[in-house]
Amino acid sequence: ITVPVAAKLLTTREASVRLGYQSKTAHSVLRLIKRGE
C-alpha cells in the first residue's frame, strides 16, 4: 500500500523568498493569489 506524501505548505513570506521578491512583506504573493495566478 502506498500512502500519498503530504504536500509541503509554505507561508506567503517563504513563497516570496523563493520568488526572489525583495520586499520584507508578502504583498506581492498575496496579489498573485488574489489574481488567481
Full PDB file with SEQRES, HELIX, SHEET, SSBOND, CRYST1, ORIGX, SCALE, CONECT and MASTER records, all heavy atoms in Angstrom:
SEQRES   1 A   37  ILE THR VAL PRO VAL ALA ALA LYS LEU LEU THR THR ARG          
SEQRES   2 A   37  GLU ALA SER VAL ARG LEU GLY TYR GLN SER LYS THR ALA          
SEQRES   3 A   37  HIS SER VAL LEU ARG LEU ILE LYS ARG GLY GLU                  
HELIX    1 AA1 THR A   12  LEU A   19  1                                   8    
HELIX    2 AA2 HIS A   27  LYS A   34  1                                   8    
CRYST1    1.000    1.000    1.000  90.00  90.00  90.00 P 1           1          
ORIGX1      1.000000  0.000000  0.000000        0.00000                         
ORIGX2      0.000000  1.000000  0.000000        0.00000                         
ORIGX3      0.000000  0.000000  1.000000        0.00000                         
SCALE1      1.000000  0.000000  0.000000        0.00000                         
SCALE2      0.000000  1.000000  0.000000        0.00000                         
SCALE3      0.000000  0.000000  1.000000        0.00000                         
ATOM      1  N   ILE A   1       0.850  -1.185   0.000  1.00  0.00           N  
ATOM      2  CA  ILE A   1       0.000   0.000   0.000  1.00  0.00           C  
ATOM      3  C   ILE A   1       0.887   1.237   0.000  1.00  0.00           C  
ATOM      4  O   ILE A   1       1.817   1.344   0.792  1.00  0.00           O  
ATOM      5  CB  ILE A   1      -0.917   0.019   1.249  1.00  0.00           C  
ATOM      6  CG1 ILE A   1      -1.817  -1.209   1.241  1.00  0.00           C  
ATOM      7  CG2 ILE A   1      -1.720   1.302   1.303  1.00  0.00           C  
ATOM      8  CD1 ILE A   1      -2.620  -1.367   2.497  1.00  0.00           C  
ATOM      9  N   THR A   2       0.578   2.143  -0.908  1.00  0.00           N  
ATOM     10  CA  THR A   2       1.327   3.397  -0.928  1.00  0.00           C  
ATOM     11  C   THR A   2       0.476   4.502  -0.317  1.00  0.00           C  
ATOM     12  O   THR A   2      -0.708   4.606  -0.599  1.00  0.00           O  
ATOM     13  CB  THR A   2       1.724   3.798  -2.362  1.00  0.00           C  
ATOM     14  OG1 THR A   2       0.542   3.916  -3.141  1.00  0.00           O  
ATOM     15  CG2 THR A   2       2.653   2.773  -2.967  1.00  0.00           C  
ATOM     16  N   VAL A   3       1.096   5.280   0.510  1.00  0.00           N  
ATOM     17  CA  VAL A   3       0.407   6.383   1.162  1.00  0.00           C  
ATOM     18  C   VAL A   3       0.897   7.676   0.528  1.00  0.00           C  
ATOM     19  O   VAL A   3       2.106   7.885   0.403  1.00  0.00           O  
ATOM     20  CB  VAL A   3       0.718   6.398   2.683  1.00  0.00           C  
ATOM     21  CG1 VAL A   3       0.036   7.563   3.368  1.00  0.00           C  
ATOM     22  CG2 VAL A   3       0.322   5.077   3.302  1.00  0.00           C  
ATOM     23  N   PRO A   4      -0.054   8.543   0.096  1.00  0.00           N  
ATOM     24  CA  PRO A   4       0.396   9.788  -0.517  1.00  0.00           C  
ATOM     25  C   PRO A   4       1.167  10.652   0.476  1.00  0.00           C  
ATOM     26  O   PRO A   4       0.809  10.745   1.643  1.00  0.00           O  
ATOM     27  CB  PRO A   4      -0.893  10.476  -0.951  1.00  0.00           C  
ATOM     28  CG  PRO A   4      -1.991   9.769  -0.245  1.00  0.00           C  
ATOM     29  CD  PRO A   4      -1.479   8.426   0.163  1.00  0.00           C  
ATOM     30  N   VAL A   5       2.223  11.252  -0.004  1.00  0.00           N  
ATOM     31  CA  VAL A   5       3.034  12.120   0.841  1.00  0.00           C  
ATOM     32  C   VAL A   5       2.311  13.451   0.994  1.00  0.00           C  
ATOM     33  O   VAL A   5       1.785  13.991   0.025  1.00  0.00           O  
ATOM     34  CB  VAL A   5       4.419  12.341   0.196  1.00  0.00           C  
ATOM     35  CG1 VAL A   5       5.243  13.304   1.017  1.00  0.00           C  
ATOM     36  CG2 VAL A   5       5.133  11.019   0.035  1.00  0.00           C  
ATOM     37  N   ALA A   6       2.274  13.954   2.204  1.00  0.00           N  
ATOM     38  CA  ALA A   6       1.625  15.228   2.449  1.00  0.00           C  
ATOM     39  C   ALA A   6       2.383  16.337   1.725  1.00  0.00           C  
ATOM     40  O   ALA A   6       3.614  16.360   1.712  1.00  0.00           O  
ATOM     41  CB  ALA A   6       1.576  15.513   3.945  1.00  0.00           C  
ATOM     42  N   ALA A   7       1.624  17.223   1.118  1.00  0.00           N  
ATOM     43  CA  ALA A   7       2.239  18.343   0.409  1.00  0.00           C  
ATOM     44  C   ALA A   7       2.821  19.327   1.407  1.00  0.00           C  
ATOM     45  O   ALA A   7       2.213  19.612   2.434  1.00  0.00           O  
ATOM     46  CB  ALA A   7       1.194  19.034  -0.454  1.00  0.00           C  
ATOM     47  N   LYS A   8       4.003  19.820   1.102  1.00  0.00           N  
ATOM     48  CA  LYS A   8       4.610  20.827   1.958  1.00  0.00           C  
ATOM     49  C   LYS A   8       3.897  22.147   1.704  1.00  0.00           C  
ATOM     50  O   LYS A   8       3.728  22.562   0.560  1.00  0.00           O  
ATOM     51  CB  LYS A   8       6.098  20.951   1.670  1.00  0.00           C  
ATOM     52  CG  LYS A   8       6.768  21.956   2.580  1.00  0.00           C  
ATOM     53  CD  LYS A   8       8.251  21.971   2.421  1.00  0.00           C  
ATOM     54  CE  LYS A   8       8.829  22.988   3.393  1.00  0.00           C  
ATOM     55  NZ  LYS A   8      10.241  23.171   3.207  1.00  0.00           N  
ATOM     56  N   LEU A   9       3.506  22.807   2.771  1.00  0.00           N  
ATOM     57  CA  LEU A   9       2.832  24.085   2.666  1.00  0.00           C  
ATOM     58  C   LEU A   9       3.777  25.202   3.076  1.00  0.00           C  
ATOM     59  O   LEU A   9       4.449  25.117   4.102  1.00  0.00           O  
ATOM     60  CB  LEU A   9       1.583  24.109   3.562  1.00  0.00           C  
ATOM     61  CG  LEU A   9       0.510  23.075   3.234  1.00  0.00           C  
ATOM     62  CD1 LEU A   9      -0.615  23.134   4.250  1.00  0.00           C  
ATOM     63  CD2 LEU A   9      -0.023  23.285   1.828  1.00  0.00           C  
ATOM     64  N   LEU A  10       3.837  26.240   2.263  1.00  0.00           N  
ATOM     65  CA  LEU A  10       4.718  27.371   2.509  1.00  0.00           C  
ATOM     66  C   LEU A  10       3.906  28.587   2.953  1.00  0.00           C  
ATOM     67  O   LEU A  10       2.780  28.780   2.505  1.00  0.00           O  
ATOM     68  CB  LEU A  10       5.469  27.733   1.230  1.00  0.00           C  
ATOM     69  CG  LEU A  10       6.277  26.626   0.569  1.00  0.00           C  
ATOM     70  CD1 LEU A  10       6.767  27.082  -0.796  1.00  0.00           C  
ATOM     71  CD2 LEU A  10       7.432  26.226   1.451  1.00  0.00           C  
ATOM     72  N   THR A  11       4.509  29.408   3.783  1.00  0.00           N  
ATOM     73  CA  THR A  11       3.886  30.679   4.136  1.00  0.00           C  
ATOM     74  C   THR A  11       4.048  31.625   2.951  1.00  0.00           C  
ATOM     75  O   THR A  11       4.860  31.395   2.055  1.00  0.00           O  
ATOM     76  CB  THR A  11       4.545  31.310   5.375  1.00  0.00           C  
ATOM     77  OG1 THR A  11       5.890  31.640   5.049  1.00  0.00           O  
ATOM     78  CG2 THR A  11       4.493  30.371   6.575  1.00  0.00           C  
ATOM     79  N   THR A  12       3.296  32.719   2.969  1.00  0.00           N  
ATOM     80  CA  THR A  12       3.433  33.701   1.900  1.00  0.00           C  
ATOM     81  C   THR A  12       4.827  34.315   1.925  1.00  0.00           C  
ATOM     82  O   THR A  12       5.392  34.629   0.882  1.00  0.00           O  
ATOM     83  CB  THR A  12       2.367  34.797   2.012  1.00  0.00           C  
ATOM     84  OG1 THR A  12       2.391  35.350   3.331  1.00  0.00           O  
ATOM     85  CG2 THR A  12       0.982  34.243   1.722  1.00  0.00           C  
ATOM     86  N   ARG A  13       5.400  34.449   3.084  1.00  0.00           N  
ATOM     87  CA  ARG A  13       6.751  35.003   3.191  1.00  0.00           C  
ATOM     88  C   ARG A  13       7.785  34.040   2.590  1.00  0.00           C  
ATOM     89  O   ARG A  13       8.706  34.450   1.889  1.00  0.00           O  
ATOM     90  CB  ARG A  13       7.093  35.300   4.639  1.00  0.00           C  
ATOM     91  CG  ARG A  13       8.329  36.159   4.764  1.00  0.00           C  
ATOM     92  CD  ARG A  13       8.434  36.739   6.115  1.00  0.00           C  
ATOM     93  NE  ARG A  13       7.290  37.640   6.318  1.00  0.00           N  
ATOM     94  CZ  ARG A  13       7.327  38.747   7.006  1.00  0.00           C  
ATOM     95  NH1 ARG A  13       8.435  39.094   7.602  1.00  0.00           N  
ATOM     96  NH2 ARG A  13       6.280  39.506   7.141  1.00  0.00           N  
ATOM     97  N   GLU A  14       7.629  32.732   2.868  1.00  0.00           N  
ATOM     98  CA  GLU A  14       8.545  31.741   2.284  1.00  0.00           C  
ATOM     99  C   GLU A  14       8.426  31.729   0.762  1.00  0.00           C  
ATOM    100  O   GLU A  14       9.434  31.635   0.053  1.00  0.00           O  
ATOM    101  CB  GLU A  14       8.246  30.352   2.842  1.00  0.00           C  
ATOM    102  CG  GLU A  14       8.620  30.176   4.290  1.00  0.00           C  
ATOM    103  CD  GLU A  14       8.092  28.883   4.889  1.00  0.00           C  
ATOM    104  OE1 GLU A  14       7.005  28.405   4.487  1.00  0.00           O  
ATOM    105  OE2 GLU A  14       8.781  28.347   5.773  1.00  0.00           O  
ATOM    106  N   ALA A  15       7.184  31.822   0.264  1.00  0.00           N  
ATOM    107  CA  ALA A  15       6.971  31.861  -1.182  1.00  0.00           C  
ATOM    108  C   ALA A  15       7.604  33.111  -1.780  1.00  0.00           C  
ATOM    109  O   ALA A  15       8.203  33.066  -2.856  1.00  0.00           O  
ATOM    110  CB  ALA A  15       5.481  31.812  -1.498  1.00  0.00           C  
ATOM    111  N   SER A  16       7.501  34.210  -1.073  1.00  0.00           N  
ATOM    112  CA  SER A  16       8.086  35.467  -1.519  1.00  0.00           C  
ATOM    113  C   SER A  16       9.602  35.336  -1.674  1.00  0.00           C  
ATOM    114  O   SER A  16      10.184  35.793  -2.661  1.00  0.00           O  
ATOM    115  CB  SER A  16       7.739  36.572  -0.520  1.00  0.00           C  
ATOM    116  OG  SER A  16       8.256  37.793  -0.928  1.00  0.00           O  
ATOM    117  N   VAL A  17      10.238  34.685  -0.716  1.00  0.00           N  
ATOM    118  CA  VAL A  17      11.688  34.476  -0.768  1.00  0.00           C  
ATOM    119  C   VAL A  17      12.046  33.603  -1.968  1.00  0.00           C  
ATOM    120  O   VAL A  17      12.989  33.898  -2.708  1.00  0.00           O  
ATOM    121  CB  VAL A  17      12.197  33.848   0.548  1.00  0.00           C  
ATOM    122  CG1 VAL A  17      13.628  33.363   0.410  1.00  0.00           C  
ATOM    123  CG2 VAL A  17      12.072  34.839   1.685  1.00  0.00           C  
ATOM    124  N   ARG A  18      11.299  32.547  -2.179  1.00  0.00           N  
ATOM    125  CA  ARG A  18      11.594  31.638  -3.298  1.00  0.00           C  
ATOM    126  C   ARG A  18      11.416  32.321  -4.642  1.00  0.00           C  
ATOM    127  O   ARG A  18      12.083  31.990  -5.615  1.00  0.00           O  
ATOM    128  CB  ARG A  18      10.699  30.407  -3.232  1.00  0.00           C  
ATOM    129  CG  ARG A  18      11.030  29.532  -2.061  1.00  0.00           C  
ATOM    130  CD  ARG A  18      11.013  28.096  -2.438  1.00  0.00           C  
ATOM    131  NE  ARG A  18      11.249  27.283  -1.261  1.00  0.00           N  
ATOM    132  CZ  ARG A  18      10.804  26.066  -1.138  1.00  0.00           C  
ATOM    133  NH1 ARG A  18      10.091  25.518  -2.095  1.00  0.00           N  
ATOM    134  NH2 ARG A  18      11.073  25.378  -0.059  1.00  0.00           N  
ATOM    135  N   LEU A  19      10.479  33.284  -4.697  1.00  0.00           N  
ATOM    136  CA  LEU A  19      10.262  34.015  -5.942  1.00  0.00           C  
ATOM    137  C   LEU A  19      11.290  35.122  -6.141  1.00  0.00           C  
ATOM    138  O   LEU A  19      11.344  35.739  -7.188  1.00  0.00           O  
ATOM    139  CB  LEU A  19       8.841  34.596  -5.965  1.00  0.00           C  
ATOM    140  CG  LEU A  19       7.726  33.567  -6.142  1.00  0.00           C  
ATOM    141  CD1 LEU A  19       6.365  34.192  -5.870  1.00  0.00           C  
ATOM    142  CD2 LEU A  19       7.773  32.967  -7.536  1.00  0.00           C  
ATOM    143  N   GLY A  20      12.071  35.378  -5.108  1.00  0.00           N  
ATOM    144  CA  GLY A  20      13.114  36.383  -5.217  1.00  0.00           C  
ATOM    145  C   GLY A  20      12.644  37.802  -5.028  1.00  0.00           C  
ATOM    146  O   GLY A  20      13.315  38.743  -5.443  1.00  0.00           O  
ATOM    147  N   TYR A  21      11.478  37.978  -4.404  1.00  0.00           N  
ATOM    148  CA  TYR A  21      10.978  39.329  -4.165  1.00  0.00           C  
ATOM    149  C   TYR A  21      11.800  39.985  -3.066  1.00  0.00           C  
ATOM    150  O   TYR A  21      12.140  39.369  -2.074  1.00  0.00           O  
ATOM    151  CB  TYR A  21       9.505  39.307  -3.772  1.00  0.00           C  
ATOM    152  CG  TYR A  21       8.584  38.842  -4.882  1.00  0.00           C  
ATOM    153  CD1 TYR A  21       7.382  38.215  -4.583  1.00  0.00           C  
ATOM    154  CD2 TYR A  21       8.910  39.025  -6.218  1.00  0.00           C  
ATOM    155  CE1 TYR A  21       6.530  37.795  -5.601  1.00  0.00           C  
ATOM    156  CE2 TYR A  21       8.065  38.600  -7.221  1.00  0.00           C  
ATOM    157  CZ  TYR A  21       6.876  37.991  -6.909  1.00  0.00           C  
ATOM    158  OH  TYR A  21       6.044  37.577  -7.906  1.00  0.00           O  
ATOM    159  N   GLN A  22      12.100  41.246  -3.239  1.00  0.00           N  
ATOM    160  CA  GLN A  22      12.948  41.973  -2.310  1.00  0.00           C  
ATOM    161  C   GLN A  22      12.191  42.513  -1.104  1.00  0.00           C  
ATOM    162  O   GLN A  22      12.776  42.800  -0.080  1.00  0.00           O  
ATOM    163  CB  GLN A  22      13.628  43.144  -3.037  1.00  0.00           C  
ATOM    164  CG  GLN A  22      14.531  42.695  -4.163  1.00  0.00           C  
ATOM    165  CD  GLN A  22      15.692  41.851  -3.688  1.00  0.00           C  
ATOM    166  OE1 GLN A  22      16.280  42.118  -2.659  1.00  0.00           O  
ATOM    167  NE2 GLN A  22      16.009  40.816  -4.439  1.00  0.00           N  
ATOM    168  N   SER A  23      10.896  42.664  -1.222  1.00  0.00           N  
ATOM    169  CA  SER A  23      10.099  43.260  -0.152  1.00  0.00           C  
ATOM    170  C   SER A  23      10.134  42.410   1.110  1.00  0.00           C  
ATOM    171  O   SER A  23      10.211  41.185   1.053  1.00  0.00           O  
ATOM    172  CB  SER A  23       8.646  43.408  -0.622  1.00  0.00           C  
ATOM    173  OG  SER A  23       7.841  43.857   0.423  1.00  0.00           O  
ATOM    174  N   LYS A  24      10.087  43.063   2.247  1.00  0.00           N  
ATOM    175  CA  LYS A  24      10.056  42.340   3.517  1.00  0.00           C  
ATOM    176  C   LYS A  24       8.672  41.793   3.811  1.00  0.00           C  
ATOM    177  O   LYS A  24       8.487  41.000   4.715  1.00  0.00           O  
ATOM    178  CB  LYS A  24      10.499  43.254   4.658  1.00  0.00           C  
ATOM    179  CG  LYS A  24      11.962  43.610   4.593  1.00  0.00           C  
ATOM    180  CD  LYS A  24      12.377  44.414   5.784  1.00  0.00           C  
ATOM    181  CE  LYS A  24      13.856  44.724   5.681  1.00  0.00           C  
ATOM    182  NZ  LYS A  24      14.355  45.456   6.823  1.00  0.00           N  
ATOM    183  N   THR A  25       7.676  42.244   3.072  1.00  0.00           N  
ATOM    184  CA  THR A  25       6.317  41.745   3.268  1.00  0.00           C  
ATOM    185  C   THR A  25       5.975  40.771   2.156  1.00  0.00           C  
ATOM    186  O   THR A  25       6.717  40.621   1.191  1.00  0.00           O  
ATOM    187  CB  THR A  25       5.304  42.904   3.261  1.00  0.00           C  
ATOM    188  OG1 THR A  25       5.331  43.507   1.969  1.00  0.00           O  
ATOM    189  CG2 THR A  25       5.620  43.924   4.330  1.00  0.00           C  
ATOM    190  N   ALA A  26       4.828  40.138   2.281  1.00  0.00           N  
ATOM    191  CA  ALA A  26       4.421  39.139   1.300  1.00  0.00           C  
ATOM    192  C   ALA A  26       3.305  39.669   0.397  1.00  0.00           C  
ATOM    193  O   ALA A  26       2.571  38.898  -0.195  1.00  0.00           O  
ATOM    194  CB  ALA A  26       3.970  37.878   2.026  1.00  0.00           C  
ATOM    195  N   HIS A  27       3.188  40.992   0.268  1.00  0.00           N  
ATOM    196  CA  HIS A  27       2.089  41.563  -0.509  1.00  0.00           C  
ATOM    197  C   HIS A  27       2.115  41.127  -1.966  1.00  0.00           C  
ATOM    198  O   HIS A  27       1.063  40.949  -2.579  1.00  0.00           O  
ATOM    199  CB  HIS A  27       2.104  43.096  -0.419  1.00  0.00           C  
ATOM    200  CG  HIS A  27       1.770  43.595   0.942  1.00  0.00           C  
ATOM    201  ND1 HIS A  27       0.524  43.457   1.497  1.00  0.00           N  
ATOM    202  CD2 HIS A  27       2.527  44.218   1.870  1.00  0.00           C  
ATOM    203  CE1 HIS A  27       0.514  43.965   2.698  1.00  0.00           C  
ATOM    204  NE2 HIS A  27       1.730  44.442   2.962  1.00  0.00           N  
ATOM    205  N   SER A  28       3.275  40.973  -2.553  1.00  0.00           N  
ATOM    206  CA  SER A  28       3.360  40.561  -3.954  1.00  0.00           C  
ATOM    207  C   SER A  28       2.788  39.161  -4.145  1.00  0.00           C  
ATOM    208  O   SER A  28       2.108  38.893  -5.127  1.00  0.00           O  
ATOM    209  CB  SER A  28       4.805  40.599  -4.432  1.00  0.00           C  
ATOM    210  OG  SER A  28       5.303  41.910  -4.361  1.00  0.00           O  
ATOM    211  N   VAL A  29       3.050  38.268  -3.219  1.00  0.00           N  
ATOM    212  CA  VAL A  29       2.496  36.913  -3.282  1.00  0.00           C  
ATOM    213  C   VAL A  29       0.988  36.965  -3.091  1.00  0.00           C  
ATOM    214  O   VAL A  29       0.240  36.272  -3.786  1.00  0.00           O  
ATOM    215  CB  VAL A  29       3.163  35.988  -2.233  1.00  0.00           C  
ATOM    216  CG1 VAL A  29       2.465  34.646  -2.173  1.00  0.00           C  
ATOM    217  CG2 VAL A  29       4.632  35.805  -2.559  1.00  0.00           C  
ATOM    218  N   LEU A  30       0.520  37.803  -2.191  1.00  0.00           N  
ATOM    219  CA  LEU A  30      -0.921  37.942  -1.981  1.00  0.00           C  
ATOM    220  C   LEU A  30      -1.611  38.442  -3.250  1.00  0.00           C  
ATOM    221  O   LEU A  30      -2.724  38.008  -3.568  1.00  0.00           O  
ATOM    222  CB  LEU A  30      -1.207  38.878  -0.811  1.00  0.00           C  
ATOM    223  CG  LEU A  30      -0.802  38.347   0.559  1.00  0.00           C  
ATOM    224  CD1 LEU A  30      -1.024  39.409   1.636  1.00  0.00           C  
ATOM    225  CD2 LEU A  30      -1.560  37.083   0.903  1.00  0.00           C  
ATOM    226  N   ARG A  31      -0.965  39.342  -3.976  1.00  0.00           N  
ATOM    227  CA  ARG A  31      -1.530  39.809  -5.242  1.00  0.00           C  
ATOM    228  C   ARG A  31      -1.645  38.668  -6.246  1.00  0.00           C  
ATOM    229  O   ARG A  31      -2.642  38.564  -6.965  1.00  0.00           O  
ATOM    230  CB  ARG A  31      -0.680  40.939  -5.824  1.00  0.00           C  
ATOM    231  CG  ARG A  31      -1.101  42.282  -5.303  1.00  0.00           C  
ATOM    232  CD  ARG A  31      -0.410  43.397  -6.073  1.00  0.00           C  
ATOM    233  NE  ARG A  31       0.332  44.140  -5.059  1.00  0.00           N  
ATOM    234  CZ  ARG A  31       1.624  44.338  -5.035  1.00  0.00           C  
ATOM    235  NH1 ARG A  31       2.377  43.916  -5.992  1.00  0.00           N  
ATOM    236  NH2 ARG A  31       2.198  45.001  -4.063  1.00  0.00           N  
ATOM    237  N   LEU A  32      -0.630  37.818  -6.320  1.00  0.00           N  
ATOM    238  CA  LEU A  32      -0.685  36.668  -7.219  1.00  0.00           C  
ATOM    239  C   LEU A  32      -1.851  35.751  -6.858  1.00  0.00           C  
ATOM    240  O   LEU A  32      -2.547  35.230  -7.737  1.00  0.00           O  
ATOM    241  CB  LEU A  32       0.621  35.875  -7.161  1.00  0.00           C  
ATOM    242  CG  LEU A  32       1.874  36.533  -7.729  1.00  0.00           C  
ATOM    243  CD1 LEU A  32       3.093  35.656  -7.447  1.00  0.00           C  
ATOM    244  CD2 LEU A  32       1.720  36.791  -9.217  1.00  0.00           C  
ATOM    245  N   ILE A  33      -2.077  35.560  -5.569  1.00  0.00           N  
ATOM    246  CA  ILE A  33      -3.176  34.705  -5.111  1.00  0.00           C  
ATOM    247  C   ILE A  33      -4.512  35.337  -5.462  1.00  0.00           C  
ATOM    248  O   ILE A  33      -5.408  34.677  -5.993  1.00  0.00           O  
ATOM    249  CB  ILE A  33      -3.049  34.445  -3.593  1.00  0.00           C  
ATOM    250  CG1 ILE A  33      -1.800  33.603  -3.310  1.00  0.00           C  
ATOM    251  CG2 ILE A  33      -4.303  33.766  -3.055  1.00  0.00           C  
ATOM    252  CD1 ILE A  33      -1.412  33.520  -1.851  1.00  0.00           C  
ATOM    253  N   LYS A  34      -4.667  36.643  -5.196  1.00  0.00           N  
ATOM    254  CA  LYS A  34      -5.930  37.334  -5.485  1.00  0.00           C  
ATOM    255  C   LYS A  34      -6.260  37.338  -6.967  1.00  0.00           C  
ATOM    256  O   LYS A  34      -7.413  37.253  -7.352  1.00  0.00           O  
ATOM    257  CB  LYS A  34      -5.887  38.770  -4.966  1.00  0.00           C  
ATOM    258  CG  LYS A  34      -6.038  38.864  -3.481  1.00  0.00           C  
ATOM    259  CD  LYS A  34      -6.076  40.304  -3.020  1.00  0.00           C  
ATOM    260  CE  LYS A  34      -6.221  40.357  -1.512  1.00  0.00           C  
ATOM    261  NZ  LYS A  34      -6.337  41.737  -1.030  1.00  0.00           N  
ATOM    262  N   ARG A  35      -5.227  37.431  -7.819  1.00  0.00           N  
ATOM    263  CA  ARG A  35      -5.455  37.414  -9.266  1.00  0.00           C  
ATOM    264  C   ARG A  35      -5.688  36.006  -9.807  1.00  0.00           C  
ATOM    265  O   ARG A  35      -5.957  35.827 -10.985  1.00  0.00           O  
ATOM    266  CB  ARG A  35      -4.261  38.037  -9.982  1.00  0.00           C  
ATOM    267  CG  ARG A  35      -4.158  39.525  -9.778  1.00  0.00           C  
ATOM    268  CD  ARG A  35      -3.141  40.154 -10.689  1.00  0.00           C  
ATOM    269  NE  ARG A  35      -1.822  39.551 -10.549  1.00  0.00           N  
ATOM    270  CZ  ARG A  35      -0.685  40.221 -10.499  1.00  0.00           C  
ATOM    271  NH1 ARG A  35      -0.694  41.531 -10.575  1.00  0.00           N  
ATOM    272  NH2 ARG A  35       0.468  39.603 -10.372  1.00  0.00           N  
ATOM    273  N   GLY A  36      -5.534  34.998  -8.948  1.00  0.00           N  
ATOM    274  CA  GLY A  36      -5.757  33.624  -9.369  1.00  0.00           C  
ATOM    275  C   GLY A  36      -4.569  33.004 -10.083  1.00  0.00           C  
ATOM    276  O   GLY A  36      -4.691  31.929 -10.672  1.00  0.00           O  
ATOM    277  N   GLU A  37      -3.422  33.665 -10.042  1.00  0.00           N  
ATOM    278  CA  GLU A  37      -2.234  33.148 -10.710  1.00  0.00           C  
ATOM    279  C   GLU A  37      -1.505  32.095  -9.880  1.00  0.00           C  
ATOM    280  O   GLU A  37      -0.777  31.268 -10.427  1.00  0.00           O  
ATOM    281  CB  GLU A  37      -1.267  34.293 -11.018  1.00  0.00           C  
ATOM    282  CG  GLU A  37      -1.821  35.291 -12.004  1.00  0.00           C  
ATOM    283  CD  GLU A  37      -0.870  36.428 -12.275  1.00  0.00           C  
ATOM    284  OE1 GLU A  37       0.350  36.181 -12.320  1.00  0.00           O  
ATOM    285  OE2 GLU A  37      -1.342  37.561 -12.444  1.00  0.00           O  
TER     286      GLU A  37                                                      
MASTER        0    0    0    2    0    0    0    6  285    1    0    3          
END                                                                             
